Amino acid sequence: MWNPLQFAVYGGHFEVVKHLIEKFKVNLGKTAPKSSAQGEGDVVNEDEKIEDTVFLLQIALVKEHNEIFEYLLEEFH
C-alpha cells in the first residue's frame, strides 16, 4: 500500500524524491503518512499515531538516506 514517493525514499532515490515533490507539487501532508491499517492489513496501525504522520522521515532515517532526510525536513515546514 505504499505510494511511489515512499518507495523512492526507501530505495534512496533522491532525484526521484525531489522530482516527485517539486514537479508534481506533492502534498506531503497527504502522501507522507503511513497507509491506513484498513489498506495494508496492519492491525497495529488502526489508531492514529503521531509517528505515522512522519513515515517518510522514518524511512529515510532508518535507511540512512541522510540527503533525503534533510530534504524532507525542509519540505515539511
C-alpha atoms as a PDB file:
ATOM      1  CA  MET A   1       0.000   0.000   0.000  1.00  0.00           C
ATOM      2  CA  TRP A   2       2.978   2.329  -0.362  1.00  0.00           C
ATOM      3  CA  ASN A   3       2.877   5.180  -2.838  1.00  0.00           C
ATOM      4  CA  PRO A   4       5.687   5.909  -5.345  1.00  0.00           C
ATOM      5  CA  LEU A   5       7.200   8.574  -3.099  1.00  0.00           C
ATOM      6  CA  GLN A   6       7.508   6.128  -0.208  1.00  0.00           C
ATOM      7  CA  PHE A   7       9.216   3.588  -2.475  1.00  0.00           C
ATOM      8  CA  ALA A   8      11.623   6.252  -3.760  1.00  0.00           C
ATOM      9  CA  VAL A   9      12.564   7.273  -0.218  1.00  0.00           C
ATOM     10  CA  TYR A  10      13.037   3.621   0.785  1.00  0.00           C
ATOM     11  CA  GLY A  11      15.279   2.984  -2.221  1.00  0.00           C
ATOM     12  CA  GLY A  12      17.343   6.104  -1.600  1.00  0.00           C
ATOM     13  CA  HIS A  13      16.486   7.667  -4.949  1.00  0.00           C
ATOM     14  CA  PHE A  14      16.998  11.312  -4.041  1.00  0.00           C
ATOM     15  CA  GLU A  15      16.480  12.703  -7.541  1.00  0.00           C
ATOM     16  CA  VAL A  16      13.193  10.811  -7.882  1.00  0.00           C
ATOM     17  CA  VAL A  17      12.016  12.056  -4.471  1.00  0.00           C
ATOM     18  CA  LYS A  18      12.913  15.619  -5.393  1.00  0.00           C
ATOM     19  CA  HIS A  19      11.287  15.323  -8.828  1.00  0.00           C
ATOM     20  CA  LEU A  20       8.029  13.919  -7.444  1.00  0.00           C
ATOM     21  CA  ILE A  21       7.747  16.618  -4.797  1.00  0.00           C
ATOM     22  CA  GLU A  22       8.751  19.584  -6.943  1.00  0.00           C
ATOM     23  CA  LYS A  23       7.420  18.726 -10.400  1.00  0.00           C
ATOM     24  CA  PHE A  24       4.103  17.298  -9.251  1.00  0.00           C
ATOM     25  CA  LYS A  25       3.675  19.626  -6.266  1.00  0.00           C
ATOM     26  CA  VAL A  26       3.210  16.627  -3.970  1.00  0.00           C
ATOM     27  CA  ASN A  27       1.317  17.406  -0.775  1.00  0.00           C
ATOM     28  CA  LEU A  28       3.488  15.825   1.916  1.00  0.00           C
ATOM     29  CA  GLY A  29       0.685  16.126   4.434  1.00  0.00           C
ATOM     30  CA  LYS A  30      -1.292  13.602   2.394  1.00  0.00           C
ATOM     31  CA  THR A  31       1.468  11.403   0.987  1.00  0.00           C
ATOM     32  CA  ALA A  32       3.983  11.218   3.832  1.00  0.00           C
ATOM     33  CA  PRO A  33       1.874   9.356   6.420  1.00  0.00           C
ATOM     34  CA  LYS A  34       1.804   5.603   6.683  1.00  0.00           C
ATOM     35  CA  SER A  35      -1.080   3.929   4.884  1.00  0.00           C
ATOM     36  CA  SER A  36      -4.149   3.240   6.982  1.00  0.00           C
ATOM     37  CA  ALA A  37      -4.468  -0.144   8.643  1.00  0.00           C
ATOM     38  CA  GLN A  38      -7.503  -0.992   6.552  1.00  0.00           C
ATOM     39  CA  GLY A  39      -5.487  -0.542   3.366  1.00  0.00           C
ATOM     40  CA  GLU A  40      -2.498  -2.611   4.400  1.00  0.00           C
ATOM     41  CA  GLY A  41      -3.964  -5.116   6.847  1.00  0.00           C
ATOM     42  CA  ASP A  42      -1.824  -3.786   9.705  1.00  0.00           C
ATOM     43  CA  VAL A  43      -3.903  -4.279  12.851  1.00  0.00           C
ATOM     44  CA  VAL A  44      -1.332  -2.403  14.933  1.00  0.00           C
ATOM     45  CA  ASN A  45      -1.866   0.768  12.911  1.00  0.00           C
ATOM     46  CA  GLU A  46      -5.635   1.122  13.415  1.00  0.00           C
ATOM     47  CA  ASP A  47      -5.238   4.013  15.873  1.00  0.00           C
ATOM     48  CA  GLU A  48      -3.744   7.262  14.650  1.00  0.00           C
ATOM     49  CA  LYS A  49      -0.229   7.730  15.971  1.00  0.00           C
ATOM     50  CA  ILE A  50       1.958  10.809  15.589  1.00  0.00           C
ATOM     51  CA  GLU A  51       4.839   8.716  14.270  1.00  0.00           C
ATOM     52  CA  ASP A  52       2.691   7.563  11.343  1.00  0.00           C
ATOM     53  CA  THR A  53       2.438  11.163  10.107  1.00  0.00           C
ATOM     54  CA  VAL A  54       6.202  11.321   9.592  1.00  0.00           C
ATOM     55  CA  PHE A  55       6.548   7.929   7.923  1.00  0.00           C
ATOM     56  CA  LEU A  56       8.714   9.246   5.066  1.00  0.00           C
ATOM     57  CA  LEU A  57      11.125  10.754   7.582  1.00  0.00           C
ATOM     58  CA  GLN A  58      11.248   7.462   9.467  1.00  0.00           C
ATOM     59  CA  ILE A  59      12.032   5.530   6.300  1.00  0.00           C
ATOM     60  CA  ALA A  60      14.831   7.920   5.318  1.00  0.00           C
ATOM     61  CA  LEU A  61      16.295   7.865   8.828  1.00  0.00           C
ATOM     62  CA  VAL A  62      16.214   4.079   9.247  1.00  0.00           C
ATOM     63  CA  LYS A  63      17.680   3.515   5.777  1.00  0.00           C
ATOM     64  CA  GLU A  64      20.328   6.185   6.487  1.00  0.00           C
ATOM     65  CA  HIS A  65      19.411   8.231   3.427  1.00  0.00           C
ATOM     66  CA  ASN A  66      20.624  11.446   5.057  1.00  0.00           C
ATOM     67  CA  GLU A  67      20.311  13.664   1.991  1.00  0.00           C
ATOM     68  CA  ILE A  68      16.683  12.641   1.550  1.00  0.00           C
ATOM     69  CA  PHE A  69      16.009  13.041   5.278  1.00  0.00           C
ATOM     70  CA  GLU A  70      17.353  16.604   5.280  1.00  0.00           C
ATOM     71  CA  TYR A  71      15.445  17.461   2.104  1.00  0.00           C
ATOM     72  CA  LEU A  72      12.183  16.148   3.554  1.00  0.00           C
ATOM     73  CA  LEU A  73      12.709  18.106   6.754  1.00  0.00           C
ATOM     74  CA  GLU A  74      12.979  21.273   4.697  1.00  0.00           C
ATOM     75  CA  GLU A  75       9.890  20.407   2.659  1.00  0.00           C
ATOM     76  CA  PHE A  76       7.782  19.605   5.731  1.00  0.00           C
ATOM     77  CA  HIS A  77       7.950  23.167   7.100  1.00  0.00           C
END
